[in-house]
C-alpha atoms as a PDB file:
ATOM      1  CA  UNK A   1     137.876  26.633  78.016  1.00  0.00           C
ATOM      2  CA  UNK A   2     139.146  29.743  80.011  1.00  0.00           C
ATOM      3  CA  UNK A   3     140.924  29.589  83.240  1.00  0.00           C
ATOM      4  CA  UNK A   4     138.079  31.515  84.870  1.00  0.00           C
ATOM      5  CA  UNK A   5     135.488  28.548  83.916  1.00  0.00           C
ATOM      6  CA  UNK A   6     137.989  26.055  85.543  1.00  0.00           C
ATOM      7  CA  UNK A   7     138.158  28.387  88.537  1.00  0.00           C
ATOM      8  CA  UNK A   8     134.521  28.554  88.596  1.00  0.00           C
ATOM      9  CA  UNK A   9     134.223  24.721  88.142  1.00  0.00           C
ATOM     10  CA  UNK A  10     136.569  24.271  91.215  1.00  0.00           C
ATOM     11  CA  UNK A  11     134.614  26.829  93.183  1.00  0.00           C
ATOM     12  CA  UNK A  12     131.315  25.002  92.723  1.00  0.00           C
ATOM     13  CA  UNK A  13     133.015  21.805  93.844  1.00  0.00           C
ATOM     14  CA  UNK A  14     134.412  23.262  96.968  1.00  0.00           C
ATOM     15  CA  UNK A  15     130.985  24.666  97.641  1.00  0.00           C
ATOM     16  CA  UNK A  16     129.107  21.180  96.805  1.00  0.00           C
ATOM     17  CA  UNK A  17     131.479  19.455  99.261  1.00  0.00           C
ATOM     18  CA  UNK A  18     130.893  22.000 101.915  1.00  0.00           C
ATOM     19  CA  UNK A  19     127.142  21.931 101.542  1.00  0.00           C
ATOM     20  CA  UNK A  20     127.010  18.242 101.740  1.00  0.00           C
ATOM     21  CA  UNK A  21     129.140  18.270 104.991  1.00  0.00           C
ATOM     22  CA  UNK A  22     126.637  21.030 106.219  1.00  0.00           C
ATOM     23  CA  UNK A  23     123.779  18.687 105.557  1.00  0.00           C
ATOM     24  CA  UNK A  24     125.614  15.787 107.321  1.00  0.00           C
ATOM     25  CA  UNK A  25     125.895  17.884 110.499  1.00  0.00           C
ATOM     26  CA  UNK A  26     122.459  19.377 110.118  1.00  0.00           C
ATOM     27  CA  UNK A  27     120.687  16.176 109.950  1.00  0.00           C
ATOM     28  CA  UNK A  28     122.616  14.421 112.599  1.00  0.00           C
ATOM     29  CA  UNK A  29     122.432  17.427 114.887  1.00  0.00           C
ATOM     30  CA  UNK A  30     118.709  17.651 114.704  1.00  0.00           C
ATOM     31  CA  UNK A  31     118.460  13.758 115.281  1.00  0.00           C
ATOM     32  CA  UNK A  32     120.695  13.271 118.026  1.00  0.00           C
ATOM     33  CA  UNK A  33     122.321  16.662 118.938  1.00  0.00           C
ATOM     34  CA  UNK A  34     125.525  18.347 118.147  1.00  0.00           C
ATOM     35  CA  UNK A  35     127.841  16.437 120.513  1.00  0.00           C
ATOM     36  CA  UNK A  36     126.544  13.203 118.799  1.00  0.00           C
ATOM     37  CA  UNK A  37     127.155  14.681 115.224  1.00  0.00           C
ATOM     38  CA  UNK A  38     130.714  15.525 116.109  1.00  0.00           C
ATOM     39  CA  UNK A  39     131.498  12.314 117.761  1.00  0.00           C
ATOM     40  CA  UNK A  40     130.112  10.385 114.860  1.00  0.00           C
ATOM     41  CA  UNK A  41     132.218  12.577 112.402  1.00  0.00           C
ATOM     42  CA  UNK A  42     135.460  11.810 114.376  1.00  0.00           C
ATOM     43  CA  UNK A  43     134.756   8.101 114.363  1.00  0.00           C
ATOM     44  CA  UNK A  44     133.896   8.072 110.633  1.00  0.00           C
ATOM     45  CA  UNK A  45     135.801  11.037 109.202  1.00  0.00           C
ATOM     46  CA  UNK A  46     137.732   9.142 106.521  1.00  0.00           C
ATOM     47  CA  UNK A  47     134.612   7.965 104.953  1.00  0.00           C
ATOM     48  CA  UNK A  48     132.589  11.238 105.354  1.00  0.00           C
ATOM     49  CA  UNK A  49     135.156  13.486 104.054  1.00  0.00           C
ATOM     50  CA  UNK A  50     136.074  11.258 101.160  1.00  0.00           C
ATOM     51  CA  UNK A  51     132.395  11.158 100.267  1.00  0.00           C
ATOM     52  CA  UNK A  52     131.984  14.958 100.308  1.00  0.00           C
ATOM     53  CA  UNK A  53     135.258  15.541  98.442  1.00  0.00           C
ATOM     54  CA  UNK A  54     134.006  12.955  95.935  1.00  0.00           C
ATOM     55  CA  UNK A  55     130.794  14.592  95.448  1.00  0.00           C
ATOM     56  CA  UNK A  56     132.695  17.919  95.174  1.00  0.00           C
ATOM     57  CA  UNK A  57     134.830  16.473  92.561  1.00  0.00           C
ATOM     58  CA  UNK A  58     131.688  15.208  90.459  1.00  0.00           C
ATOM     59  CA  UNK A  59     130.063  18.662  90.861  1.00  0.00           C
ATOM     60  CA  UNK A  60     133.153  20.456  89.546  1.00  0.00           C
ATOM     61  CA  UNK A  61     133.674  18.106  86.747  1.00  0.00           C
ATOM     62  CA  UNK A  62     130.079  18.177  85.692  1.00  0.00           C
ATOM     63  CA  UNK A  63     130.370  22.045  85.826  1.00  0.00           C
ATOM     64  CA  UNK A  64     133.457  22.096  83.655  1.00  0.00           C
ATOM     65  CA  UNK A  65     131.779  19.746  81.105  1.00  0.00           C
ATOM     66  CA  UNK A  66     128.650  21.870  81.043  1.00  0.00           C
ATOM     67  CA  UNK A  67     130.697  24.939  80.445  1.00  0.00           C
ATOM     68  CA  UNK A  68     132.604  22.944  77.726  1.00  0.00           C
ATOM     69  CA  UNK A  69     129.425  21.927  75.885  1.00  0.00           C
ATOM     70  CA  UNK A  70     127.810  25.424  76.096  1.00  0.00           C
ATOM     71  CA  UNK A  71     131.090  27.006  74.939  1.00  0.00           C
ATOM     72  CA  UNK A  72     131.481  24.826  71.909  1.00  0.00           C
ATOM     73  CA  UNK A  73     127.921  25.633  70.623  1.00  0.00           C
ATOM     74  CA  UNK A  74     127.206  21.845  70.480  1.00  0.00           C
ATOM     75  CA  UNK A  75     124.308  20.306  71.697  1.00  0.00           C
ATOM     76  CA  UNK A  76     123.763  16.927  73.717  1.00  0.00           C
ATOM     77  CA  UNK A  77     122.689  15.648  76.960  1.00  0.00           C
ATOM     78  CA  UNK A  78     125.031  14.917  79.580  1.00  0.00           C
ATOM     79  CA  UNK A  79     124.047  12.697  82.551  1.00  0.00           C
ATOM     80  CA  UNK A  80     125.094  14.343  85.891  1.00  0.00           C
ATOM     81  CA  UNK A  81     125.913  12.178  88.804  1.00  0.00           C
ATOM     82  CA  UNK A  82     124.253  13.415  92.051  1.00  0.00           C
ATOM     83  CA  UNK A  83     125.383  13.341  95.667  1.00  0.00           C
ATOM     84  CA  UNK A  84     122.170  11.474  96.716  1.00  0.00           C
ATOM     85  CA  UNK A  85     124.361   8.106  97.477  1.00  0.00           C
ATOM     86  CA  UNK A  86     126.953  10.256  99.320  1.00  0.00           C
ATOM     87  CA  UNK A  87     124.315  11.888 101.287  1.00  0.00           C
ATOM     88  CA  UNK A  88     122.527   8.686 102.171  1.00  0.00           C
ATOM     89  CA  UNK A  89     125.590   6.724 103.109  1.00  0.00           C
ATOM     90  CA  UNK A  90     127.049   9.729 105.319  1.00  0.00           C
ATOM     91  CA  UNK A  91     123.805   9.987 107.267  1.00  0.00           C
ATOM     92  CA  UNK A  92     123.411   6.231 107.211  1.00  0.00           C
ATOM     93  CA  UNK A  93     126.089   5.817 109.820  1.00  0.00           C
ATOM     94  CA  UNK A  94     123.713   7.137 112.519  1.00  0.00           C
ATOM     95  CA  UNK A  95     120.330   6.137 110.997  1.00  0.00           C
ATOM     96  CA  UNK A  96     119.800   3.696 113.854  1.00  0.00           C
ATOM     97  CA  UNK A  97     118.884   6.580 115.991  1.00  0.00           C
ATOM     98  CA  UNK A  98     115.948   7.354 113.978  1.00  0.00           C
ATOM     99  CA  UNK A  99     114.323   4.301 115.751  1.00  0.00           C
ATOM    100  CA  UNK A 100     113.687   6.591 118.680  1.00  0.00           C
ATOM    101  CA  UNK A 101     111.842   9.112 116.329  1.00  0.00           C
ATOM    102  CA  UNK A 102     109.878   6.733 114.125  1.00  0.00           C
ATOM    103  CA  UNK A 103     108.766   3.471 115.798  1.00  0.00           C
ATOM    104  CA  UNK A 104     105.102   4.408 114.562  1.00  0.00           C
ATOM    105  CA  UNK A 105     106.003   4.352 111.017  1.00  0.00           C
ATOM    106  CA  UNK A 106     107.408   0.710 111.346  1.00  0.00           C
ATOM    107  CA  UNK A 107     110.911   1.602 109.954  1.00  0.00           C
ATOM    108  CA  UNK A 108     112.958  -0.143 112.806  1.00  0.00           C
ATOM    109  CA  UNK A 109     113.765  -3.001 110.472  1.00  0.00           C
ATOM    110  CA  UNK A 110     115.167  -0.806 107.798  1.00  0.00           C
ATOM    111  CA  UNK A 111     116.989   1.461 110.173  1.00  0.00           C
ATOM    112  CA  UNK A 112     118.564  -1.671 111.831  1.00  0.00           C
ATOM    113  CA  UNK A 113     119.708  -3.111 108.583  1.00  0.00           C
ATOM    114  CA  UNK A 114     121.370   0.200 107.803  1.00  0.00           C
ATOM    115  CA  UNK A 115     123.089   0.567 111.106  1.00  0.00           C
ATOM    116  CA  UNK A 116     124.513  -3.036 111.017  1.00  0.00           C
ATOM    117  CA  UNK A 117     126.040  -2.340 107.318  1.00  0.00           C
ATOM    118  CA  UNK A 118     127.055   1.362 107.719  1.00  0.00           C
ATOM    119  CA  UNK A 119     130.742   0.721 106.715  1.00  0.00           C
ATOM    120  CA  UNK A 120     129.577  -1.204 103.845  1.00  0.00           C
ATOM    121  CA  UNK A 121     127.173   1.543 102.785  1.00  0.00           C
ATOM    122  CA  UNK A 122     130.009   4.081 103.088  1.00  0.00           C
ATOM    123  CA  UNK A 123     132.111   1.866 100.719  1.00  0.00           C
ATOM    124  CA  UNK A 124     129.255   1.452  98.285  1.00  0.00           C
ATOM    125  CA  UNK A 125     128.979   5.489  98.335  1.00  0.00           C
ATOM    126  CA  UNK A 126     132.691   5.725  97.708  1.00  0.00           C
ATOM    127  CA  UNK A 127     132.310   3.200  94.781  1.00  0.00           C
ATOM    128  CA  UNK A 128     129.551   5.371  93.386  1.00  0.00           C
ATOM    129  CA  UNK A 129     131.491   8.429  93.760  1.00  0.00           C
ATOM    130  CA  UNK A 130     134.497   6.921  91.902  1.00  0.00           C
ATOM    131  CA  UNK A 131     132.253   5.556  89.239  1.00  0.00           C
ATOM    132  CA  UNK A 132     130.603   9.043  88.774  1.00  0.00           C
ATOM    133  CA  UNK A 133     134.046  10.692  88.601  1.00  0.00           C
ATOM    134  CA  UNK A 134     135.272   8.317  86.104  1.00  0.00           C
ATOM    135  CA  UNK A 135     132.150   8.724  83.968  1.00  0.00           C
ATOM    136  CA  UNK A 136     132.137  12.551  84.067  1.00  0.00           C
ATOM    137  CA  UNK A 137     135.792  12.729  83.358  1.00  0.00           C
ATOM    138  CA  UNK A 138     135.591  10.214  80.322  1.00  0.00           C
ATOM    139  CA  UNK A 139     132.835  12.473  78.914  1.00  0.00           C
ATOM    140  CA  UNK A 140     135.017  15.497  79.328  1.00  0.00           C
ATOM    141  CA  UNK A 141     137.845  13.673  77.343  1.00  0.00           C
ATOM    142  CA  UNK A 142     135.462  12.417  74.703  1.00  0.00           C
ATOM    143  CA  UNK A 143     133.853  15.713  74.121  1.00  0.00           C
ATOM    144  CA  UNK A 144     137.249  17.580  74.167  1.00  0.00           C
ATOM    145  CA  UNK A 145     138.536  14.963  71.598  1.00  0.00           C
ATOM    146  CA  UNK A 146     135.614  15.431  69.293  1.00  0.00           C
ATOM    147  CA  UNK A 147     135.711  19.070  69.478  1.00  0.00           C
ATOM    148  CA  UNK A 148     139.479  19.158  68.695  1.00  0.00           C
ATOM    149  CA  UNK A 149     138.877  16.909  65.695  1.00  0.00           C
ATOM    150  CA  UNK A 150     136.000  19.152  64.332  1.00  0.00           C
ATOM    151  CA  UNK A 151     138.153  22.321  64.800  1.00  0.00           C
ATOM    152  CA  UNK A 152     141.126  20.727  63.052  1.00  0.00           C
ATOM    153  CA  UNK A 153     138.810  19.732  60.187  1.00  0.00           C
ATOM    154  CA  UNK A 154     137.287  23.223  59.983  1.00  0.00           C
ATOM    155  CA  UNK A 155     140.821  24.686  59.893  1.00  0.00           C
ATOM    156  CA  UNK A 156     141.854  22.215  57.090  1.00  0.00           C
ATOM    157  CA  UNK A 157     138.659  23.289  54.971  1.00  0.00           C
ATOM    158  CA  UNK A 158     139.556  26.955  55.393  1.00  0.00           C
END
């Protein structure tokens, strides 16, 4: 793995975090306005930034792993962890305001549930982020170890 591949993976991670934060602000601004989105961000910034950073780390690690797999001429399927959980939990902090927009659809009960448990949903998102990071990091270690053993075996045979 070259340093340019590692830098590229870091870049993708930073981009993913930025896009997730942009999505957060876009959704909340469309629902309740910019001032409200900013106020909610300030109130829940620890959770929101943590979720976005965790998602960015997952994307960076996944990109790194994908480059390892392609660079080693090996084949295999790797499960990538998405940021769906992060996005949902970030937006959930303000989902109760959807009641104003969606009463006809009968989602009042679901939105009320989400708004009552928004902190718990943030923690759930953080747990999924940590799980995704650990999963992908373990795959990187397993693949790197396997490739090192194969390279050592090939060198010994030659």
